[in-house]
Amino acid sequence: EVARQAQGIAAEVRDAKARLLADDVFRLRNEL
């Protein structure tokens, strides 16, 4: 159960990191 919760949290963290990276990529493209 703890592992499932950890997997869910890890998935949310990956999604958040992906969104942040997407924002950074968009900003960098605009700067470029």
Full PDB file with SEQRES, HELIX, SHEET, SSBOND, CRYST1, ORIGX, SCALE, CONECT and MASTER records, all heavy atoms in Angstrom:
SEQRES   1 A   32  GLU VAL ALA ARG GLN ALA GLN GLY ILE ALA ALA GLU VAL          
SEQRES   2 A   32  ARG ASP ALA LYS ALA ARG LEU LEU ALA ASP ASP VAL PHE          
SEQRES   3 A   32  ARG LEU ARG ASN GLU LEU                                      
HELIX    1 AA1 VAL A    2  GLU A   31  1                                  30    
CRYST1    1.000    1.000    1.000  90.00  90.00  90.00 P 1           1          
ORIGX1      1.000000  0.000000  0.000000        0.00000                         
ORIGX2      0.000000  1.000000  0.000000        0.00000                         
ORIGX3      0.000000  0.000000  1.000000        0.00000                         
SCALE1      1.000000  0.000000  0.000000        0.00000                         
SCALE2      0.000000  1.000000  0.000000        0.00000                         
SCALE3      0.000000  0.000000  1.000000        0.00000                         
ATOM      1  N   GLU A   1       0.834  -1.204   0.000  1.00  0.00           N  
ATOM      2  CA  GLU A   1       0.000   0.000   0.000  1.00  0.00           C  
ATOM      3  C   GLU A   1       0.868   1.253   0.000  1.00  0.00           C  
ATOM      4  O   GLU A   1       0.605   2.218  -0.743  1.00  0.00           O  
ATOM      5  CB  GLU A   1      -0.912  -0.020   1.243  1.00  0.00           C  
ATOM      6  CG  GLU A   1      -1.876   1.149   1.308  1.00  0.00           C  
ATOM      7  CD  GLU A   1      -2.861   1.161   0.158  1.00  0.00           C  
ATOM      8  OE1 GLU A   1      -3.149   0.078  -0.388  1.00  0.00           O  
ATOM      9  OE2 GLU A   1      -3.351   2.255  -0.198  1.00  0.00           O  
ATOM     10  N   VAL A   2       1.914   1.229   0.841  1.00  0.00           N  
ATOM     11  CA  VAL A   2       2.823   2.377   0.854  1.00  0.00           C  
ATOM     12  C   VAL A   2       3.506   2.537  -0.501  1.00  0.00           C  
ATOM     13  O   VAL A   2       3.690   3.657  -1.003  1.00  0.00           O  
ATOM     14  CB  VAL A   2       3.870   2.191   1.982  1.00  0.00           C  
ATOM     15  CG1 VAL A   2       4.942   3.282   1.889  1.00  0.00           C  
ATOM     16  CG2 VAL A   2       3.203   2.243   3.346  1.00  0.00           C  
ATOM     17  N   ALA A   3       3.881   1.404  -1.115  1.00  0.00           N  
ATOM     18  CA  ALA A   3       4.515   1.477  -2.426  1.00  0.00           C  
ATOM     19  C   ALA A   3       3.574   2.052  -3.477  1.00  0.00           C  
ATOM     20  O   ALA A   3       3.986   2.849  -4.333  1.00  0.00           O  
ATOM     21  CB  ALA A   3       5.005   0.090  -2.849  1.00  0.00           C  
ATOM     22  N   ARG A   4       2.279   1.646  -3.401  1.00  0.00           N  
ATOM     23  CA  ARG A   4       1.308   2.214  -4.349  1.00  0.00           C  
ATOM     24  C   ARG A   4       1.173   3.719  -4.157  1.00  0.00           C  
ATOM     25  O   ARG A   4       1.119   4.488  -5.119  1.00  0.00           O  
ATOM     26  CB  ARG A   4      -0.036   1.514  -4.185  1.00  0.00           C  
ATOM     27  CG  ARG A   4      -0.099   0.121  -4.807  1.00  0.00           C  
ATOM     28  CD  ARG A   4      -1.532  -0.378  -4.899  1.00  0.00           C  
ATOM     29  NE  ARG A   4      -2.103  -0.586  -3.561  1.00  0.00           N  
ATOM     30  CZ  ARG A   4      -2.035  -1.730  -2.896  1.00  0.00           C  
ATOM     31  NH1 ARG A   4      -1.398  -2.774  -3.437  1.00  0.00           N  
ATOM     32  NH2 ARG A   4      -2.582  -1.860  -1.718  1.00  0.00           N  
ATOM     33  N   GLN A   5       1.087   4.145  -2.861  1.00  0.00           N  
ATOM     34  CA  GLN A   5       1.007   5.581  -2.607  1.00  0.00           C  
ATOM     35  C   GLN A   5       2.265   6.296  -3.119  1.00  0.00           C  
ATOM     36  O   GLN A   5       2.182   7.388  -3.702  1.00  0.00           O  
ATOM     37  CB  GLN A   5       0.822   5.827  -1.110  1.00  0.00           C  
ATOM     38  CG  GLN A   5      -0.514   5.324  -0.566  1.00  0.00           C  
ATOM     39  CD  GLN A   5      -0.629   5.521   0.930  1.00  0.00           C  
ATOM     40  OE1 GLN A   5       0.289   6.043   1.558  1.00  0.00           O  
ATOM     41  NE2 GLN A   5      -1.759   5.119   1.506  1.00  0.00           N  
ATOM     42  N   ALA A   6       3.419   5.661  -2.868  1.00  0.00           N  
ATOM     43  CA  ALA A   6       4.663   6.275  -3.342  1.00  0.00           C  
ATOM     44  C   ALA A   6       4.687   6.368  -4.867  1.00  0.00           C  
ATOM     45  O   ALA A   6       5.157   7.368  -5.429  1.00  0.00           O  
ATOM     46  CB  ALA A   6       5.863   5.463  -2.856  1.00  0.00           C  
ATOM     47  N   GLN A   7       4.165   5.319  -5.530  1.00  0.00           N  
ATOM     48  CA  GLN A   7       4.107   5.382  -6.993  1.00  0.00           C  
ATOM     49  C   GLN A   7       3.199   6.513  -7.463  1.00  0.00           C  
ATOM     50  O   GLN A   7       3.512   7.225  -8.421  1.00  0.00           O  
ATOM     51  CB  GLN A   7       3.622   4.047  -7.547  1.00  0.00           C  
ATOM     52  CG  GLN A   7       4.649   2.916  -7.431  1.00  0.00           C  
ATOM     53  CD  GLN A   7       4.114   1.603  -7.959  1.00  0.00           C  
ATOM     54  OE1 GLN A   7       2.936   1.511  -8.331  1.00  0.00           O  
ATOM     55  NE2 GLN A   7       4.962   0.586  -7.987  1.00  0.00           N  
ATOM     56  N   GLY A   8       2.049   6.682  -6.764  1.00  0.00           N  
ATOM     57  CA  GLY A   8       1.153   7.785  -7.129  1.00  0.00           C  
ATOM     58  C   GLY A   8       1.825   9.138  -6.938  1.00  0.00           C  
ATOM     59  O   GLY A   8       1.740  10.030  -7.809  1.00  0.00           O  
ATOM     60  N   ILE A   9       2.510   9.288  -5.785  1.00  0.00           N  
ATOM     61  CA  ILE A   9       3.197  10.556  -5.532  1.00  0.00           C  
ATOM     62  C   ILE A   9       4.309  10.771  -6.566  1.00  0.00           C  
ATOM     63  O   ILE A   9       4.501  11.887  -7.071  1.00  0.00           O  
ATOM     64  CB  ILE A   9       3.763  10.560  -4.095  1.00  0.00           C  
ATOM     65  CG1 ILE A   9       2.618  10.550  -3.086  1.00  0.00           C  
ATOM     66  CG2 ILE A   9       4.659  11.770  -3.875  1.00  0.00           C  
ATOM     67  CD1 ILE A   9       3.072  10.354  -1.663  1.00  0.00           C  
ATOM     68  N   ALA A  10       5.040   9.680  -6.869  1.00  0.00           N  
ATOM     69  CA  ALA A  10       6.106   9.807  -7.867  1.00  0.00           C  
ATOM     70  C   ALA A  10       5.540  10.186  -9.232  1.00  0.00           C  
ATOM     71  O   ALA A  10       6.140  10.989  -9.961  1.00  0.00           O  
ATOM     72  CB  ALA A  10       6.882   8.496  -7.964  1.00  0.00           C  
ATOM     73  N   ALA A  11       4.366   9.624  -9.566  1.00  0.00           N  
ATOM     74  CA  ALA A  11       3.743   9.987 -10.847  1.00  0.00           C  
ATOM     75  C   ALA A  11       3.357  11.466 -10.852  1.00  0.00           C  
ATOM     76  O   ALA A  11       3.564  12.177 -11.846  1.00  0.00           O  
ATOM     77  CB  ALA A  11       2.526   9.110 -11.105  1.00  0.00           C  
ATOM     78  N   GLU A  12       2.778  11.943  -9.715  1.00  0.00           N  
ATOM     79  CA  GLU A  12       2.427  13.363  -9.640  1.00  0.00           C  
ATOM     80  C   GLU A  12       3.678  14.238  -9.745  1.00  0.00           C  
ATOM     81  O   GLU A  12       3.662  15.287 -10.411  1.00  0.00           O  
ATOM     82  CB  GLU A  12       1.690  13.638  -8.328  1.00  0.00           C  
ATOM     83  CG  GLU A  12       0.304  12.975  -8.259  1.00  0.00           C  
ATOM     84  CD  GLU A  12      -0.377  13.238  -6.919  1.00  0.00           C  
ATOM     85  OE1 GLU A  12       0.254  13.905  -6.077  1.00  0.00           O  
ATOM     86  OE2 GLU A  12      -1.530  12.791  -6.731  1.00  0.00           O  
ATOM     87  N   VAL A  13       4.747  13.799  -9.069  1.00  0.00           N  
ATOM     88  CA  VAL A  13       5.997  14.577  -9.142  1.00  0.00           C  
ATOM     89  C   VAL A  13       6.520  14.612 -10.573  1.00  0.00           C  
ATOM     90  O   VAL A  13       6.972  15.662 -11.066  1.00  0.00           O  
ATOM     91  CB  VAL A  13       7.046  13.972  -8.184  1.00  0.00           C  
ATOM     92  CG1 VAL A  13       8.410  14.608  -8.419  1.00  0.00           C  
ATOM     93  CG2 VAL A  13       6.625  14.176  -6.738  1.00  0.00           C  
ATOM     94  N   ARG A  14       6.461  13.459 -11.262  1.00  0.00           N  
ATOM     95  CA  ARG A  14       6.925  13.437 -12.659  1.00  0.00           C  
ATOM     96  C   ARG A  14       6.084  14.353 -13.528  1.00  0.00           C  
ATOM     97  O   ARG A  14       6.613  15.084 -14.378  1.00  0.00           O  
ATOM     98  CB  ARG A  14       6.889  12.007 -13.193  1.00  0.00           C  
ATOM     99  CG  ARG A  14       7.988  11.101 -12.662  1.00  0.00           C  
ATOM    100  CD  ARG A  14       8.117   9.845 -13.504  1.00  0.00           C  
ATOM    101  NE  ARG A  14       6.865   9.078 -13.488  1.00  0.00           N  
ATOM    102  CZ  ARG A  14       6.575   8.141 -12.592  1.00  0.00           C  
ATOM    103  NH1 ARG A  14       7.449   7.856 -11.637  1.00  0.00           N  
ATOM    104  NH2 ARG A  14       5.435   7.482 -12.643  1.00  0.00           N  
ATOM    105  N   ASP A  15       4.742  14.326 -13.285  1.00  0.00           N  
ATOM    106  CA  ASP A  15       3.884  15.210 -14.073  1.00  0.00           C  
ATOM    107  C   ASP A  15       4.200  16.672 -13.792  1.00  0.00           C  
ATOM    108  O   ASP A  15       4.261  17.504 -14.723  1.00  0.00           O  
ATOM    109  CB  ASP A  15       2.417  14.915 -13.751  1.00  0.00           C  
ATOM    110  CG  ASP A  15       1.995  13.530 -14.228  1.00  0.00           C  
ATOM    111  OD1 ASP A  15       2.681  12.988 -15.114  1.00  0.00           O  
ATOM    112  OD2 ASP A  15       0.998  12.997 -13.687  1.00  0.00           O  
ATOM    113  N   ALA A  16       4.413  16.993 -12.508  1.00  0.00           N  
ATOM    114  CA  ALA A  16       4.728  18.383 -12.164  1.00  0.00           C  
ATOM    115  C   ALA A  16       6.050  18.812 -12.785  1.00  0.00           C  
ATOM    116  O   ALA A  16       6.170  19.912 -13.346  1.00  0.00           O  
ATOM    117  CB  ALA A  16       4.775  18.542 -10.641  1.00  0.00           C  
ATOM    118  N   LYS A  17       7.041  17.923 -12.692  1.00  0.00           N  
ATOM    119  CA  LYS A  17       8.321  18.249 -13.311  1.00  0.00           C  
ATOM    120  C   LYS A  17       8.183  18.415 -14.820  1.00  0.00           C  
ATOM    121  O   LYS A  17       8.788  19.312 -15.423  1.00  0.00           O  
ATOM    122  CB  LYS A  17       9.340  17.164 -13.001  1.00  0.00           C  
ATOM    123  CG  LYS A  17       9.841  17.166 -11.560  1.00  0.00           C  
ATOM    124  CD  LYS A  17      10.910  16.086 -11.359  1.00  0.00           C  
ATOM    125  CE  LYS A  17      11.444  16.117  -9.931  1.00  0.00           C  
ATOM    126  NZ  LYS A  17      12.466  15.061  -9.718  1.00  0.00           N  
ATOM    127  N   ALA A  18       7.364  17.548 -15.428  1.00  0.00           N  
ATOM    128  CA  ALA A  18       7.158  17.653 -16.877  1.00  0.00           C  
ATOM    129  C   ALA A  18       6.496  18.984 -17.233  1.00  0.00           C  
ATOM    130  O   ALA A  18       6.879  19.639 -18.209  1.00  0.00           O  
ATOM    131  CB  ALA A  18       6.318  16.478 -17.376  1.00  0.00           C  
ATOM    132  N   ARG A  19       5.485  19.382 -16.418  1.00  0.00           N  
ATOM    133  CA  ARG A  19       4.827  20.669 -16.691  1.00  0.00           C  
ATOM    134  C   ARG A  19       5.806  21.829 -16.520  1.00  0.00           C  
ATOM    135  O   ARG A  19       5.843  22.774 -17.320  1.00  0.00           O  
ATOM    136  CB  ARG A  19       3.627  20.841 -15.774  1.00  0.00           C  
ATOM    137  CG  ARG A  19       2.440  19.930 -16.140  1.00  0.00           C  
ATOM    138  CD  ARG A  19       1.172  20.366 -15.419  1.00  0.00           C  
ATOM    139  NE  ARG A  19       1.311  20.207 -13.971  1.00  0.00           N  
ATOM    140  CZ  ARG A  19       0.979  19.105 -13.311  1.00  0.00           C  
ATOM    141  NH1 ARG A  19       0.502  18.052 -13.982  1.00  0.00           N  
ATOM    142  NH2 ARG A  19       1.103  19.030 -12.003  1.00  0.00           N  
ATOM    143  N   LEU A  20       6.611  21.763 -15.440  1.00  0.00           N  
ATOM    144  CA  LEU A  20       7.601  22.830 -15.222  1.00  0.00           C  
ATOM    145  C   LEU A  20       8.606  22.884 -16.370  1.00  0.00           C  
ATOM    146  O   LEU A  20       8.965  23.965 -16.855  1.00  0.00           O  
ATOM    147  CB  LEU A  20       8.319  22.606 -13.895  1.00  0.00           C  
ATOM    148  CG  LEU A  20       7.474  22.806 -12.625  1.00  0.00           C  
ATOM    149  CD1 LEU A  20       8.283  22.421 -11.391  1.00  0.00           C  
ATOM    150  CD2 LEU A  20       7.000  24.253 -12.519  1.00  0.00           C  
ATOM    151  N   LEU A  21       9.051  21.711 -16.772  1.00  0.00           N  
ATOM    152  CA  LEU A  21       9.993  21.675 -17.886  1.00  0.00           C  
ATOM    153  C   LEU A  21       9.352  22.189 -19.176  1.00  0.00           C  
ATOM    154  O   LEU A  21      10.008  22.874 -19.970  1.00  0.00           O  
ATOM    155  CB  LEU A  21      10.516  20.251 -18.075  1.00  0.00           C  
ATOM    156  CG  LEU A  21      11.466  19.743 -16.994  1.00  0.00           C  
ATOM    157  CD1 LEU A  21      11.790  18.273 -17.227  1.00  0.00           C  
ATOM    158  CD2 LEU A  21      12.744  20.551 -16.980  1.00  0.00           C  
ATOM    159  N   ALA A  22       8.073  21.851 -19.378  1.00  0.00           N  
ATOM    160  CA  ALA A  22       7.380  22.362 -20.565  1.00  0.00           C  
ATOM    161  C   ALA A  22       7.292  23.886 -20.521  1.00  0.00           C  
ATOM    162  O   ALA A  22       7.501  24.571 -21.539  1.00  0.00           O  
ATOM    163  CB  ALA A  22       5.998  21.735 -20.669  1.00  0.00           C  
ATOM    164  N   ASP A  23       6.975  24.440 -19.324  1.00  0.00           N  
ATOM    165  CA  ASP A  23       6.945  25.902 -19.191  1.00  0.00           C  
ATOM    166  C   ASP A  23       8.310  26.507 -19.466  1.00  0.00           C  
ATOM    167  O   ASP A  23       8.428  27.542 -20.150  1.00  0.00           O  
ATOM    168  CB  ASP A  23       6.466  26.283 -17.785  1.00  0.00           C  
ATOM    169  CG  ASP A  23       5.009  25.870 -17.538  1.00  0.00           C  
ATOM    170  OD1 ASP A  23       4.274  25.702 -18.540  1.00  0.00           O  
ATOM    171  OD2 ASP A  23       4.628  25.719 -16.366  1.00  0.00           O  
ATOM    172  N   ASP A  24       9.349  25.871 -18.919  1.00  0.00           N  
ATOM    173  CA  ASP A  24      10.703  26.383 -19.166  1.00  0.00           C  
ATOM    174  C   ASP A  24      11.052  26.322 -20.646  1.00  0.00           C  
ATOM    175  O   ASP A  24      11.666  27.258 -21.198  1.00  0.00           O  
ATOM    176  CB  ASP A  24      11.721  25.576 -18.354  1.00  0.00           C  
ATOM    177  CG  ASP A  24      11.572  25.806 -16.864  1.00  0.00           C  
ATOM    178  OD1 ASP A  24      10.967  26.840 -16.489  1.00  0.00           O  
ATOM    179  OD2 ASP A  24      12.039  24.949 -16.079  1.00  0.00           O  
ATOM    180  N   VAL A  25      10.660  25.230 -21.287  1.00  0.00           N  
ATOM    181  CA  VAL A  25      10.933  25.106 -22.726  1.00  0.00           C  
ATOM    182  C   VAL A  25      10.197  26.187 -23.510  1.00  0.00           C  
ATOM    183  O   VAL A  25      10.758  26.813 -24.425  1.00  0.00           O  
ATOM    184  CB  VAL A  25      10.535  23.700 -23.219  1.00  0.00           C  
ATOM    185  CG1 VAL A  25      10.556  23.635 -24.736  1.00  0.00           C  
ATOM    186  CG2 VAL A  25      11.478  22.657 -22.651  1.00  0.00           C  
ATOM    187  N   PHE A  26       8.929  26.445 -23.148  1.00  0.00           N  
ATOM    188  CA  PHE A  26       8.158  27.485 -23.830  1.00  0.00           C  
ATOM    189  C   PHE A  26       8.809  28.850 -23.631  1.00  0.00           C  
ATOM    190  O   PHE A  26       8.960  29.638 -24.581  1.00  0.00           O  
ATOM    191  CB  PHE A  26       6.723  27.471 -23.291  1.00  0.00           C  
ATOM    192  CG  PHE A  26       5.821  28.499 -23.934  1.00  0.00           C  
ATOM    193  CD1 PHE A  26       5.346  28.313 -25.219  1.00  0.00           C  
ATOM    194  CD2 PHE A  26       5.486  29.655 -23.246  1.00  0.00           C  
ATOM    195  CE1 PHE A  26       4.531  29.268 -25.814  1.00  0.00           C  
ATOM    196  CE2 PHE A  26       4.674  30.607 -23.835  1.00  0.00           C  
ATOM    197  CZ  PHE A  26       4.188  30.422 -25.125  1.00  0.00           C  
ATOM    198  N   ARG A  27       9.224  29.124 -22.370  1.00  0.00           N  
ATOM    199  CA  ARG A  27       9.863  30.408 -22.093  1.00  0.00           C  
ATOM    200  C   ARG A  27      11.179  30.540 -22.853  1.00  0.00           C  
ATOM    201  O   ARG A  27      11.475  31.601 -23.431  1.00  0.00           O  
ATOM    202  CB  ARG A  27      10.100  30.546 -20.590  1.00  0.00           C  
ATOM    203  CG  ARG A  27      10.797  31.833 -20.173  1.00  0.00           C  
ATOM    204  CD  ARG A  27      10.925  31.900 -18.668  1.00  0.00           C  
ATOM    205  NE  ARG A  27      11.647  30.750 -18.155  1.00  0.00           N  
ATOM    206  CZ  ARG A  27      12.960  30.619 -18.175  1.00  0.00           C  
ATOM    207  NH1 ARG A  27      13.712  31.570 -18.705  1.00  0.00           N  
ATOM    208  NH2 ARG A  27      13.551  29.538 -17.683  1.00  0.00           N  
ATOM    209  N   LEU A  28      11.959  29.485 -22.847  1.00  0.00           N  
ATOM    210  CA  LEU A  28      13.231  29.532 -23.561  1.00  0.00           C  
ATOM    211  C   LEU A  28      13.036  29.691 -25.069  1.00  0.00           C  
ATOM    212  O   LEU A  28      13.819  30.384 -25.735  1.00  0.00           O  
ATOM    213  CB  LEU A  28      14.031  28.265 -23.259  1.00  0.00           C  
ATOM    214  CG  LEU A  28      14.565  28.130 -21.827  1.00  0.00           C  
ATOM    215  CD1 LEU A  28      15.194  26.768 -21.629  1.00  0.00           C  
ATOM    216  CD2 LEU A  28      15.580  29.223 -21.539  1.00  0.00           C  
ATOM    217  N   ARG A  29      12.007  29.056 -25.587  1.00  0.00           N  
ATOM    218  CA  ARG A  29      11.741  29.232 -27.019  1.00  0.00           C  
ATOM    219  C   ARG A  29      11.363  30.676 -27.333  1.00  0.00           C  
ATOM    220  O   ARG A  29      11.792  31.243 -28.360  1.00  0.00           O  
ATOM    221  CB  ARG A  29      10.629  28.280 -27.455  1.00  0.00           C  
ATOM    222  CG  ARG A  29      11.104  26.839 -27.601  1.00  0.00           C  
ATOM    223  CD  ARG A  29       9.970  25.929 -28.019  1.00  0.00           C  
ATOM    224  NE  ARG A  29      10.454  24.572 -28.229  1.00  0.00           N  
ATOM    225  CZ  ARG A  29       9.666  23.528 -28.476  1.00  0.00           C  
ATOM    226  NH1 ARG A  29       8.348  23.700 -28.537  1.00  0.00           N  
ATOM    227  NH2 ARG A  29      10.189  22.336 -28.666  1.00  0.00           N  
ATOM    228  N   ASN A  30      10.542  31.294 -26.452  1.00  0.00           N  
ATOM    229  CA  ASN A  30      10.198  32.700 -26.662  1.00  0.00           C  
ATOM    230  C   ASN A  30      11.438  33.579 -26.604  1.00  0.00           C  
ATOM    231  O   ASN A  30      11.619  34.494 -27.419  1.00  0.00           O  
ATOM    232  CB  ASN A  30       9.180  33.148 -25.604  1.00  0.00           C  
ATOM    233  CG  ASN A  30       7.820  32.489 -25.801  1.00  0.00           C  
ATOM    234  OD1 ASN A  30       7.477  32.106 -26.925  1.00  0.00           O  
ATOM    235  ND2 ASN A  30       7.061  32.338 -24.740  1.00  0.00           N  
ATOM    236  N   GLU A  31      12.308  33.300 -25.599  1.00  0.00           N  
ATOM    237  CA  GLU A  31      13.549  34.067 -25.514  1.00  0.00           C  
ATOM    238  C   GLU A  31      14.409  33.855 -26.755  1.00  0.00           C  
ATOM    239  O   GLU A  31      15.034  34.798 -27.260  1.00  0.00           O  
ATOM    240  CB  GLU A  31      14.322  33.661 -24.262  1.00  0.00           C  
ATOM    241  CG  GLU A  31      13.641  34.073 -22.959  1.00  0.00           C  
ATOM    242  CD  GLU A  31      14.452  33.631 -21.749  1.00  0.00           C  
ATOM    243  OE1 GLU A  31      15.501  32.992 -21.967  1.00  0.00           O  
ATOM    244  OE2 GLU A  31      14.029  33.915 -20.616  1.00  0.00           O  
ATOM    245  N   LEU A  32      14.431  32.634 -27.234  1.00  0.00           N  
ATOM    246  CA  LEU A  32      15.204  32.353 -28.440  1.00  0.00           C  
ATOM    247  C   LEU A  32      14.642  33.108 -29.641  1.00  0.00           C  
ATOM    248  O   LEU A  32      15.397  33.661 -30.451  1.00  0.00           O  
ATOM    249  CB  LEU A  32      15.198  30.848 -28.709  1.00  0.00           C  
ATOM    250  CG  LEU A  32      16.070  30.352 -29.864  1.00  0.00           C  
ATOM    251  CD1 LEU A  32      17.528  30.706 -29.609  1.00  0.00           C  
ATOM    252  CD2 LEU A  32      15.914  28.849 -30.039  1.00  0.00           C  
TER     253      LEU A  32                                                      
MASTER        0    0    0    1    0    0    0    6  252    1    0    3          
END                                                                             
